Amino acid sequence: MSQKLYVARSSAVAARKLGREMMIMSGRDSTLFTLDEVATIIWESANGLATLDEIVELRICAEFEVEPVTAVRDAETMAEALAQHGILHISREPILDSNTSVGSAK
């Protein structure tokens, strides 16, 4: 990634962790999402102050055998998809209030 992207969980969802996966229901349209283990780690780490690069480096690459470049690219794609559904917020600046609709910053 050339620019740092900050990610934050949306407060307009209901979420429950089942094992190592996360079930998320969108408050927007009641769509149900199941996040795999890696996406769950990103979701749990998305506090608005951590960049996607940091989350990947400190959590994903530390736990899984994956090249950082590949992991960042995959995490960015996943975060963009979740942002389109209103599950995550993405910004080029820290996100202090996840209620703010930031949208995609790519």
PDB file of N, CA and C in Angstrom:
ATOM      1  N   MET A   1       0.838  -1.189   0.000  1.00  0.00           N
ATOM      2  CA  MET A   1       0.000   0.000   0.000  1.00  0.00           C
ATOM      3  C   MET A   1       0.873   1.239   0.000  1.00  0.00           C
ATOM      4  N   SER A   2       0.533   2.187  -0.811  1.00  0.00           N
ATOM      5  CA  SER A   2       1.330   3.402  -0.863  1.00  0.00           C
ATOM      6  C   SER A   2       0.892   4.401   0.206  1.00  0.00           C
ATOM      7  N   GLN A   3      -0.375   4.385   0.570  1.00  0.00           N
ATOM      8  CA  GLN A   3      -0.864   5.289   1.606  1.00  0.00           C
ATOM      9  C   GLN A   3      -1.383   4.482   2.776  1.00  0.00           C
ATOM     10  N   LYS A   4      -1.228   5.042   3.959  1.00  0.00           N
ATOM     11  CA  LYS A   4      -1.761   4.372   5.140  1.00  0.00           C
ATOM     12  C   LYS A   4      -3.275   4.518   5.163  1.00  0.00           C
ATOM     13  N   LEU A   5      -3.943   3.409   5.372  1.00  0.00           N
ATOM     14  CA  LEU A   5      -5.396   3.423   5.499  1.00  0.00           C
ATOM     15  C   LEU A   5      -5.773   2.990   6.898  1.00  0.00           C
ATOM     16  N   TYR A   6      -6.560   3.803   7.545  1.00  0.00           N
ATOM     17  CA  TYR A   6      -7.061   3.498   8.878  1.00  0.00           C
ATOM     18  C   TYR A   6      -8.414   2.829   8.734  1.00  0.00           C
ATOM     19  N   VAL A   7      -8.689   1.852   9.592  1.00  0.00           N
ATOM     20  CA  VAL A   7      -9.962   1.142   9.535  1.00  0.00           C
ATOM     21  C   VAL A   7     -10.627   1.171  10.904  1.00  0.00           C
ATOM     22  N   ALA A   8     -11.956   1.281  10.881  1.00  0.00           N
ATOM     23  CA  ALA A   8     -12.741   1.276  12.118  1.00  0.00           C
ATOM     24  C   ALA A   8     -14.016   0.472  11.885  1.00  0.00           C
ATOM     25  N   ARG A   9     -14.445  -0.214  12.924  1.00  0.00           N
ATOM     26  CA  ARG A   9     -15.701  -0.962  12.859  1.00  0.00           C
ATOM     27  C   ARG A   9     -16.864   0.019  12.849  1.00  0.00           C
ATOM     28  N   SER A  10     -17.878  -0.316  12.108  1.00  0.00           N
ATOM     29  CA  SER A  10     -19.100   0.481  12.116  1.00  0.00           C
ATOM     30  C   SER A  10     -19.887   0.157  13.383  1.00  0.00           C
ATOM     31  N   SER A  11     -20.519   1.157  13.936  1.00  0.00           N
ATOM     32  CA  SER A  11     -21.374   0.918  15.101  1.00  0.00           C
ATOM     33  C   SER A  11     -22.797   0.577  14.667  1.00  0.00           C
ATOM     34  N   ALA A  12     -23.053   0.572  13.363  1.00  0.00           N
ATOM     35  CA  ALA A  12     -24.389   0.293  12.838  1.00  0.00           C
ATOM     36  C   ALA A  12     -24.560  -1.178  12.478  1.00  0.00           C
ATOM     37  N   VAL A  13     -23.888  -2.047  13.239  1.00  0.00           N
ATOM     38  CA  VAL A  13     -23.983  -3.484  13.001  1.00  0.00           C
ATOM     39  C   VAL A  13     -24.134  -4.210  14.332  1.00  0.00           C
ATOM     40  N   ALA A  14     -24.610  -5.430  14.246  1.00  0.00           N
ATOM     41  CA  ALA A  14     -24.617  -6.329  15.406  1.00  0.00           C
ATOM     42  C   ALA A  14     -23.601  -7.419  15.101  1.00  0.00           C
ATOM     43  N   ALA A  15     -22.728  -7.711  16.046  1.00  0.00           N
ATOM     44  CA  ALA A  15     -21.668  -8.688  15.802  1.00  0.00           C
ATOM     45  C   ALA A  15     -21.572  -9.676  16.958  1.00  0.00           C
ATOM     46  N   ARG A  16     -21.257 -10.918  16.603  1.00  0.00           N
ATOM     47  CA  ARG A  16     -21.069 -11.972  17.605  1.00  0.00           C
ATOM     48  C   ARG A  16     -19.980 -12.905  17.103  1.00  0.00           C
ATOM     49  N   LYS A  17     -19.028 -13.195  17.971  1.00  0.00           N
ATOM     50  CA  LYS A  17     -17.948 -14.100  17.614  1.00  0.00           C
ATOM     51  C   LYS A  17     -18.356 -15.528  17.952  1.00  0.00           C
ATOM     52  N   LEU A  18     -18.182 -16.405  16.985  1.00  0.00           N
ATOM     53  CA  LEU A  18     -18.466 -17.829  17.156  1.00  0.00           C
ATOM     54  C   LEU A  18     -17.194 -18.589  16.813  1.00  0.00           C
ATOM     55  N   GLY A  19     -16.532 -19.092  17.821  1.00  0.00           N
ATOM     56  CA  GLY A  19     -15.241 -19.737  17.591  1.00  0.00           C
ATOM     57  C   GLY A  19     -14.240 -18.693  17.167  1.00  0.00           C
ATOM     58  N   ARG A  20     -13.637 -18.894  16.001  1.00  0.00           N
ATOM     59  CA  ARG A  20     -12.655 -17.930  15.495  1.00  0.00           C
ATOM     60  C   ARG A  20     -13.209 -17.106  14.344  1.00  0.00           C
ATOM     61  N   GLU A  21     -14.535 -17.171  14.142  1.00  0.00           N
ATOM     62  CA  GLU A  21     -15.178 -16.411  13.078  1.00  0.00           C
ATOM     63  C   GLU A  21     -16.157 -15.414  13.682  1.00  0.00           C
ATOM     64  N   MET A  22     -16.465 -14.385  12.922  1.00  0.00           N
ATOM     65  CA  MET A  22     -17.365 -13.337  13.373  1.00  0.00           C
ATOM     66  C   MET A  22     -18.609 -13.332  12.496  1.00  0.00           C
ATOM     67  N   MET A  23     -19.772 -13.262  13.145  1.00  0.00           N
ATOM     68  CA  MET A  23     -21.038 -13.102  12.435  1.00  0.00           C
ATOM     69  C   MET A  23     -21.441 -11.642  12.619  1.00  0.00           C
ATOM     70  N   ILE A  24     -21.753 -10.964  11.510  1.00  0.00           N
ATOM     71  CA  ILE A  24     -22.098  -9.547  11.559  1.00  0.00           C
ATOM     72  C   ILE A  24     -23.390  -9.337  10.783  1.00  0.00           C
ATOM     73  N   MET A  25     -24.324  -8.624  11.408  1.00  0.00           N
ATOM     74  CA  MET A  25     -25.557  -8.265  10.724  1.00  0.00           C
ATOM     75  C   MET A  25     -25.562  -6.765  10.495  1.00  0.00           C
ATOM     76  N   SER A  26     -25.778  -6.389   9.249  1.00  0.00           N
ATOM     77  CA  SER A  26     -25.813  -4.982   8.879  1.00  0.00           C
ATOM     78  C   SER A  26     -27.088  -4.339   9.396  1.00  0.00           C
ATOM     79  N   GLY A  27     -26.950  -3.199  10.041  1.00  0.00           N
ATOM     80  CA  GLY A  27     -28.106  -2.435  10.491  1.00  0.00           C
ATOM     81  C   GLY A  27     -28.794  -1.741   9.328  1.00  0.00           C
ATOM     82  N   ARG A  28     -28.090  -1.607   8.228  1.00  0.00           N
ATOM     83  CA  ARG A  28     -28.609  -0.933   7.053  1.00  0.00           C
ATOM     84  C   ARG A  28     -29.700  -1.756   6.366  1.00  0.00           C
ATOM     85  N   ASP A  29     -29.415  -3.048   6.154  1.00  0.00           N
ATOM     86  CA  ASP A  29     -30.372  -3.871   5.398  1.00  0.00           C
ATOM     87  C   ASP A  29     -30.532  -5.284   5.962  1.00  0.00           C
ATOM     88  N   SER A  30     -30.064  -5.520   7.175  1.00  0.00           N
ATOM     89  CA  SER A  30     -30.165  -6.813   7.857  1.00  0.00           C
ATOM     90  C   SER A  30     -29.439  -7.944   7.133  1.00  0.00           C
ATOM     91  N   THR A  31     -28.491  -7.626   6.274  1.00  0.00           N
ATOM     92  CA  THR A  31     -27.687  -8.640   5.615  1.00  0.00           C
ATOM     93  C   THR A  31     -26.748  -9.257   6.635  1.00  0.00           C
ATOM     94  N   LEU A  32     -26.588 -10.575   6.569  1.00  0.00           N
ATOM     95  CA  LEU A  32     -25.717 -11.305   7.490  1.00  0.00           C
ATOM     96  C   LEU A  32     -24.404 -11.634   6.799  1.00  0.00           C
ATOM     97  N   PHE A  33     -23.297 -11.345   7.463  1.00  0.00           N
ATOM     98  CA  PHE A  33     -21.963 -11.621   6.945  1.00  0.00           C
ATOM     99  C   PHE A  33     -21.249 -12.557   7.899  1.00  0.00           C
ATOM    100  N   THR A  34     -20.498 -13.491   7.354  1.00  0.00           N
ATOM    101  CA  THR A  34     -19.637 -14.359   8.148  1.00  0.00           C
ATOM    102  C   THR A  34     -18.201 -14.050   7.766  1.00  0.00           C
ATOM    103  N   LEU A  35     -17.424 -13.594   8.734  1.00  0.00           N
ATOM    104  CA  LEU A  35     -16.020 -13.270   8.484  1.00  0.00           C
ATOM    105  C   LEU A  35     -15.162 -14.475   8.846  1.00  0.00           C
ATOM    106  N   ASP A  36     -14.240 -14.827   7.964  1.00  0.00           N
ATOM    107  CA  ASP A  36     -13.325 -15.926   8.271  1.00  0.00           C
ATOM    108  C   ASP A  36     -12.342 -15.476   9.354  1.00  0.00           C
ATOM    109  N   GLU A  37     -11.442 -16.359   9.691  1.00  0.00           N
ATOM    110  CA  GLU A  37     -10.504 -16.108  10.793  1.00  0.00           C
ATOM    111  C   GLU A  37      -9.658 -14.857  10.576  1.00  0.00           C
ATOM    112  N   VAL A  38      -9.142 -14.676   9.367  1.00  0.00           N
ATOM    113  CA  VAL A  38      -8.304 -13.515   9.069  1.00  0.00           C
ATOM    114  C   VAL A  38      -9.137 -12.236   9.091  1.00  0.00           C
ATOM    115  N   ALA A  39     -10.285 -12.255   8.453  1.00  0.00           N
ATOM    116  CA  ALA A  39     -11.155 -11.072   8.441  1.00  0.00           C
ATOM    117  C   ALA A  39     -11.606 -10.727   9.855  1.00  0.00           C
ATOM    118  N   THR A  40     -11.803 -11.737  10.691  1.00  0.00           N
ATOM    119  CA  THR A  40     -12.184 -11.496  12.088  1.00  0.00           C
ATOM    120  C   THR A  40     -11.074 -10.772  12.837  1.00  0.00           C
ATOM    121  N   ILE A  41      -9.837 -11.151  12.592  1.00  0.00           N
ATOM    122  CA  ILE A  41      -8.709 -10.464  13.237  1.00  0.00           C
ATOM    123  C   ILE A  41      -8.684  -8.994  12.806  1.00  0.00           C
ATOM    124  N   ILE A  42      -8.888  -8.747  11.528  1.00  0.00           N
ATOM    125  CA  ILE A  42      -8.913  -7.360  11.048  1.00  0.00           C
ATOM    126  C   ILE A  42     -10.076  -6.614  11.686  1.00  0.00           C
ATOM    127  N   TRP A  43     -11.254  -7.212  11.717  1.00  0.00           N
ATOM    128  CA  TRP A  43     -12.439  -6.597  12.322  1.00  0.00           C
ATOM    129  C   TRP A  43     -12.167  -6.238  13.788  1.00  0.00           C
ATOM    130  N   GLU A  44     -11.632  -7.179  14.541  1.00  0.00           N
ATOM    131  CA  GLU A  44     -11.378  -6.947  15.961  1.00  0.00           C
ATOM    132  C   GLU A  44     -10.308  -5.874  16.191  1.00  0.00           C
ATOM    133  N   SER A  45      -9.385  -5.739  15.261  1.00  0.00           N
ATOM    134  CA  SER A  45      -8.292  -4.773  15.400  1.00  0.00           C
ATOM    135  C   SER A  45      -8.634  -3.397  14.843  1.00  0.00           C
ATOM    136  N   ALA A  46      -9.732  -3.299  14.132  1.00  0.00           N
ATOM    137  CA  ALA A  46     -10.107  -2.049  13.453  1.00  0.00           C
ATOM    138  C   ALA A  46     -10.674  -1.051  14.461  1.00  0.00           C
ATOM    139  N   ASN A  47      -9.777  -0.304  15.103  1.00  0.00           N
ATOM    140  CA  ASN A  47     -10.184   0.638  16.144  1.00  0.00           C
ATOM    141  C   ASN A  47     -10.150   2.093  15.689  1.00  0.00           C
ATOM    142  N   GLY A  48      -9.842   2.316  14.412  1.00  0.00           N
ATOM    143  CA  GLY A  48      -9.777   3.671  13.885  1.00  0.00           C
ATOM    144  C   GLY A  48      -8.422   4.324  14.054  1.00  0.00           C
ATOM    145  N   LEU A  49      -7.584   3.768  14.911  1.00  0.00           N
ATOM    146  CA  LEU A  49      -6.258   4.337  15.158  1.00  0.00           C
ATOM    147  C   LEU A  49      -5.156   3.480  14.555  1.00  0.00           C
ATOM    148  N   ALA A  50      -5.453   2.221  14.292  1.00  0.00           N
ATOM    149  CA  ALA A  50      -4.484   1.313  13.687  1.00  0.00           C
ATOM    150  C   ALA A  50      -4.658   1.333  12.171  1.00  0.00           C
ATOM    151  N   THR A  51      -3.535   1.332  11.470  1.00  0.00           N
ATOM    152  CA  THR A  51      -3.615   1.252  10.016  1.00  0.00           C
ATOM    153  C   THR A  51      -3.754  -0.209   9.605  1.00  0.00           C
ATOM    154  N   LEU A  52      -4.247  -0.409   8.415  1.00  0.00           N
ATOM    155  CA  LEU A  52      -4.382  -1.764   7.894  1.00  0.00           C
ATOM    156  C   LEU A  52      -3.006  -2.424   7.798  1.00  0.00           C
ATOM    157  N   ASP A  53      -1.990  -1.664   7.418  1.00  0.00           N
ATOM    158  CA  ASP A  53      -0.616  -2.191   7.370  1.00  0.00           C
ATOM    159  C   ASP A  53      -0.176  -2.713   8.735  1.00  0.00           C
ATOM    160  N   GLU A  54      -0.447  -1.936   9.782  1.00  0.00           N
ATOM    161  CA  GLU A  54      -0.062  -2.341  11.138  1.00  0.00           C
ATOM    162  C   GLU A  54      -0.790  -3.602  11.563  1.00  0.00           C
ATOM    163  N   ILE A  55      -2.074  -3.663  11.284  1.00  0.00           N
ATOM    164  CA  ILE A  55      -2.863  -4.842  11.653  1.00  0.00           C
ATOM    165  C   ILE A  55      -2.322  -6.078  10.947  1.00  0.00           C
ATOM    166  N   VAL A  56      -2.038  -5.937   9.673  1.00  0.00           N
ATOM    167  CA  VAL A  56      -1.510  -7.068   8.911  1.00  0.00           C
ATOM    168  C   VAL A  56      -0.153  -7.498   9.451  1.00  0.00           C
ATOM    169  N   GLU A  57       0.727  -6.532   9.671  1.00  0.00           N
ATOM    170  CA  GLU A  57       2.075  -6.856  10.148  1.00  0.00           C
ATOM    171  C   GLU A  57       2.063  -7.482  11.539  1.00  0.00           C
ATOM    172  N   LEU A  58       1.329  -6.862  12.454  1.00  0.00           N
ATOM    173  CA  LEU A  58       1.369  -7.295  13.855  1.00  0.00           C
ATOM    174  C   LEU A  58       0.480  -8.494  14.162  1.00  0.00           C
ATOM    175  N   ARG A  59      -0.599  -8.641  13.428  1.00  0.00           N
ATOM    176  CA  ARG A  59      -1.550  -9.709  13.750  1.00  0.00           C
ATOM    177  C   ARG A  59      -1.597 -10.818  12.710  1.00  0.00           C
ATOM    178  N   ILE A  60      -1.732 -10.469  11.447  1.00  0.00           N
ATOM    179  CA  ILE A  60      -1.917 -11.481  10.404  1.00  0.00           C
ATOM    180  C   ILE A  60      -0.601 -12.205  10.103  1.00  0.00           C
ATOM    181  N   CYS A  61       0.441 -11.445   9.760  1.00  0.00           N
ATOM    182  CA  CYS A  61       1.722 -12.073   9.427  1.00  0.00           C
ATOM    183  C   CYS A  61       2.347 -12.785  10.617  1.00  0.00           C
ATOM    184  N   ALA A  62       2.062 -12.304  11.812  1.00  0.00           N
ATOM    185  CA  ALA A  62       2.592 -12.950  13.012  1.00  0.00           C
ATOM    186  C   ALA A  62       1.929 -14.302  13.275  1.00  0.00           C
ATOM    187  N   GLU A  63       0.698 -14.461  12.840  1.00  0.00           N
ATOM    188  CA  GLU A  63      -0.053 -15.682  13.131  1.00  0.00           C
ATOM    189  C   GLU A  63      -0.112 -16.661  11.959  1.00  0.00           C
ATOM    190  N   PHE A  64      -0.033 -16.150  10.736  1.00  0.00           N
ATOM    191  CA  PHE A  64      -0.174 -16.993   9.554  1.00  0.00           C
ATOM    192  C   PHE A  64       1.078 -16.889   8.688  1.00  0.00           C
ATOM    193  N   GLU A  65       1.377 -17.951   7.963  1.00  0.00           N
ATOM    194  CA  GLU A  65       2.513 -17.944   7.047  1.00  0.00           C
ATOM    195  C   GLU A  65       2.067 -17.314   5.739  1.00  0.00           C
ATOM    196  N   VAL A  66       2.276 -16.011   5.642  1.00  0.00           N
ATOM    197  CA  VAL A  66       1.867 -15.270   4.449  1.00  0.00           C
ATOM    198  C   VAL A  66       2.847 -14.132   4.229  1.00  0.00           C
ATOM    199  N   GLU A  67       3.125 -13.854   2.971  1.00  0.00           N
ATOM    200  CA  GLU A  67       4.005 -12.745   2.626  1.00  0.00           C
ATOM    201  C   GLU A  67       3.289 -11.429   2.930  1.00  0.00           C
ATOM    202  N   PRO A  68       3.973 -10.470   3.535  1.00  0.00           N
ATOM    203  CA  PRO A  68       3.344  -9.189   3.872  1.00  0.00           C
ATOM    204  C   PRO A  68       2.679  -8.486   2.685  1.00  0.00           C
ATOM    205  N   VAL A  69       3.316  -8.500   1.527  1.00  0.00           N
ATOM    206  CA  VAL A  69       2.750  -7.816   0.358  1.00  0.00           C
ATOM    207  C   VAL A  69       1.415  -8.450  -0.028  1.00  0.00           C
ATOM    208  N   THR A  70       1.370  -9.769  -0.040  1.00  0.00           N
ATOM    209  CA  THR A  70       0.137 -10.492  -0.367  1.00  0.00           C
ATOM    210  C   THR A  70      -0.920 -10.248   0.695  1.00  0.00           C
ATOM    211  N   ALA A  71      -0.523 -10.306   1.956  1.00  0.00           N
ATOM    212  CA  ALA A  71      -1.466 -10.128   3.059  1.00  0.00           C
ATOM    213  C   ALA A  71      -2.077  -8.726   3.051  1.00  0.00           C
ATOM    214  N   VAL A  72      -1.264  -7.709   2.782  1.00  0.00           N
ATOM    215  CA  VAL A  72      -1.774  -6.334   2.743  1.00  0.00           C
ATOM    216  C   VAL A  72      -2.743  -6.159   1.584  1.00  0.00           C
ATOM    217  N   ARG A  73      -2.382  -6.693   0.435  1.00  0.00           N
ATOM    218  CA  ARG A  73      -3.256  -6.588  -0.742  1.00  0.00           C
ATOM    219  C   ARG A  73      -4.603  -7.270  -0.473  1.00  0.00           C
ATOM    220  N   ASP A  74      -4.569  -8.474   0.098  1.00  0.00           N
ATOM    221  CA  ASP A  74      -5.809  -9.195   0.409  1.00  0.00           C
ATOM    222  C   ASP A  74      -6.623  -8.470   1.481  1.00  0.00           C
ATOM    223  N   ALA A  75      -5.942  -7.916   2.476  1.00  0.00           N
ATOM    224  CA  ALA A  75      -6.638  -7.193   3.550  1.00  0.00           C
ATOM    225  C   ALA A  75      -7.302  -5.934   3.003  1.00  0.00           C
ATOM    226  N   GLU A  76      -6.626  -5.254   2.100  1.00  0.00           N
ATOM    227  CA  GLU A  76      -7.202  -4.054   1.500  1.00  0.00           C
ATOM    228  C   GLU A  76      -8.463  -4.400   0.705  1.00  0.00           C
ATOM    229  N   THR A  77      -8.408  -5.461  -0.075  1.00  0.00           N
ATOM    230  CA  THR A  77      -9.564  -5.901  -0.860  1.00  0.00           C
ATOM    231  C   THR A  77     -10.732  -6.247   0.059  1.00  0.00           C
ATOM    232  N   MET A  78     -10.447  -6.980   1.130  1.00  0.00           N
ATOM    233  CA  MET A  78     -11.491  -7.368   2.074  1.00  0.00           C
ATOM    234  C   MET A  78     -12.072  -6.148   2.783  1.00  0.00           C
ATOM    235  N   ALA A  79     -11.218  -5.231   3.204  1.00  0.00           N
ATOM    236  CA  ALA A  79     -11.686  -4.035   3.907  1.00  0.00           C
ATOM    237  C   ALA A  79     -12.542  -3.170   2.990  1.00  0.00           C
ATOM    238  N   GLU A  80     -12.146  -3.041   1.737  1.00  0.00           N
ATOM    239  CA  GLU A  80     -12.932  -2.274   0.772  1.00  0.00           C
ATOM    240  C   GLU A  80     -14.326  -2.880   0.603  1.00  0.00           C
ATOM    241  N   ALA A  81     -14.391  -4.210   0.502  1.00  0.00           N
ATOM    242  CA  ALA A  81     -15.684  -4.884   0.345  1.00  0.00           C
ATOM    243  C   ALA A  81     -16.557  -4.662   1.570  1.00  0.00           C
ATOM    244  N   LEU A  82     -15.980  -4.773   2.761  1.00  0.00           N
ATOM    245  CA  LEU A  82     -16.761  -4.548   3.986  1.00  0.00           C
ATOM    246  C   LEU A  82     -17.190  -3.091   4.107  1.00  0.00           C
ATOM    247  N   ALA A  83     -16.351  -2.169   3.644  1.00  0.00           N
ATOM    248  CA  ALA A  83     -16.715  -0.745   3.678  1.00  0.00           C
ATOM    249  C   ALA A  83     -17.891  -0.464   2.754  1.00  0.00           C
ATOM    250  N   GLN A  84     -17.927  -1.140   1.623  1.00  0.00           N
ATOM    251  CA  GLN A  84     -19.043  -0.950   0.683  1.00  0.00           C
ATOM    252  C   GLN A  84     -20.370  -1.387   1.292  1.00  0.00           C
ATOM    253  N   HIS A  85     -20.307  -2.334   2.227  1.00  0.00           N
ATOM    254  CA  HIS A  85     -21.517  -2.814   2.905  1.00  0.00           C
ATOM    255  C   HIS A  85     -21.783  -2.082   4.219  1.00  0.00           C
ATOM    256  N   GLY A  86     -20.935  -1.095   4.553  1.00  0.00           N
ATOM    257  CA  GLY A  86     -21.123  -0.334   5.780  1.00  0.00           C
ATOM    258  C   GLY A  86     -20.679  -1.069   7.038  1.00  0.00           C
ATOM    259  N   ILE A  87     -19.860  -2.105   6.883  1.00  0.00           N
ATOM    260  CA  ILE A  87     -19.377  -2.896   8.010  1.00  0.00           C
ATOM    261  C   ILE A  87     -18.128  -2.263   8.620  1.00  0.00           C
ATOM    262  N   LEU A  88     -17.273  -1.720   7.773  1.00  0.00           N
ATOM    263  CA  LEU A  88     -16.058  -1.021   8.200  1.00  0.00           C
ATOM    264  C   LEU A  88     -16.059   0.383   7.623  1.00  0.00           C
ATOM    265  N   HIS A  89     -15.329   1.270   8.273  1.00  0.00           N
ATOM    266  CA  HIS A  89     -15.046   2.602   7.749  1.00  0.00           C
ATOM    267  C   HIS A  89     -13.561   2.636   7.408  1.00  0.00           C
ATOM    268  N   ILE A  90     -13.219   3.283   6.304  1.00  0.00           N
ATOM    269  CA  ILE A  90     -11.831   3.399   5.863  1.00  0.00           C
ATOM    270  C   ILE A  90     -11.529   4.880   5.638  1.00  0.00           C
ATOM    271  N   SER A  91     -10.335   5.302   6.091  1.00  0.00           N
ATOM    272  CA  SER A  91      -9.936   6.693   5.927  1.00  0.00           C
ATOM    273  C   SER A  91      -8.420   6.782   5.809  1.00  0.00           C
ATOM    274  N   ARG A  92      -7.947   7.871   5.231  1.00  0.00           N
ATOM    275  CA  ARG A  92      -6.499   8.126   5.174  1.00  0.00           C
ATOM    276  C   ARG A  92      -6.010   8.798   6.455  1.00  0.00           C
ATOM    277  N   GLU A  93      -6.936   9.144   7.335  1.00  0.00           N
ATOM    278  CA  GLU A  93      -6.604   9.759   8.627  1.00  0.00           C
ATOM    279  C   GLU A  93      -7.215   8.913   9.728  1.00  0.00           C
ATOM    280  N   PRO A  94      -6.687   8.994  10.942  1.00  0.00           N
ATOM    281  CA  PRO A  94      -7.287   8.237  12.042  1.00  0.00           C
ATOM    282  C   PRO A  94      -8.781   8.541  12.172  1.00  0.00           C
ATOM    283  N   ILE A  95      -9.535   7.529  12.523  1.00  0.00           N
ATOM    284  CA  ILE A  95     -10.983   7.652  12.656  1.00  0.00           C
ATOM    285  C   ILE A  95     -11.305   7.663  14.142  1.00  0.00           C
ATOM    286  N   LEU A  96     -11.735   8.808  14.614  1.00  0.00           N
ATOM    287  CA  LEU A  96     -11.998   8.942  16.044  1.00  0.00           C
ATOM    288  C   LEU A  96     -13.424   8.586  16.404  1.00  0.00           C
ATOM    289  N   ASP A  97     -14.329   8.683  15.438  1.00  0.00           N
ATOM    290  CA  ASP A  97     -15.741   8.380  15.686  1.00  0.00           C
ATOM    291  C   ASP A  97     -16.236   7.450  14.598  1.00  0.00           C
ATOM    292  N   SER A  98     -16.431   6.157  14.919  1.00  0.00           N
ATOM    293  CA  SER A  98     -16.826   5.188  13.898  1.00  0.00           C
ATOM    294  C   SER A  98     -18.274   5.363  13.466  1.00  0.00           C
ATOM    295  N   ASN A  99     -19.025   6.280  14.090  1.00  0.00           N
ATOM    296  CA  ASN A  99     -20.382   6.568  13.640  1.00  0.00           C
ATOM    297  C   ASN A  99     -20.364   7.427  12.380  1.00  0.00           C
ATOM    298  N   THR A 100     -19.230   8.096  12.135  1.00  0.00           N
ATOM    299  CA  THR A 100     -19.101   8.944  10.966  1.00  0.00           C
ATOM    300  C   THR A 100     -18.961   8.081   9.747  1.00  0.00           C
ATOM    301  N   SER A 101     -19.723   8.355   8.729  1.00  0.00           N
ATOM    302  CA  SER A 101     -19.637   7.590   7.497  1.00  0.00           C
ATOM    303  C   SER A 101     -18.456   8.084   6.675  1.00  0.00           C
ATOM    304  N   VAL A 102     -17.369   7.375   6.742  1.00  0.00           N
ATOM    305  CA  VAL A 102     -16.151   7.766   6.065  1.00  0.00           C
ATOM    306  C   VAL A 102     -16.128   7.213   4.653  1.00  0.00           C
ATOM    307  N   GLY A 103     -16.572   5.993   4.493  1.00  0.00           N
ATOM    308  CA  GLY A 103     -16.571   5.357   3.181  1.00  0.00           C
ATOM    309  C   GLY A 103     -15.197   4.893   2.779  1.00  0.00           C
ATOM    310  N   SER A 104     -15.004   4.712   1.515  1.00  0.00           N
ATOM    311  CA  SER A 104     -13.749   4.176   0.994  1.00  0.00           C
ATOM    312  C   SER A 104     -12.809   5.309   0.602  1.00  0.00           C
ATOM    313  N   ALA A 105     -11.552   5.135   0.936  1.00  0.00           N
ATOM    314  CA  ALA A 105     -10.577   6.171   0.647  1.00  0.00           C
ATOM    315  C   ALA A 105      -9.555   5.729  -0.383  1.00  0.00           C
ATOM    316  N   LYS A 106      -9.787   4.663  -1.065  1.00  0.00           N
ATOM    317  CA  LYS A 106      -8.802   4.138  -1.999  1.00  0.00           C
ATOM    318  C   LYS A 106      -8.670   4.996  -3.222  1.00  0.00           C
TER     319      LYS A 106
END
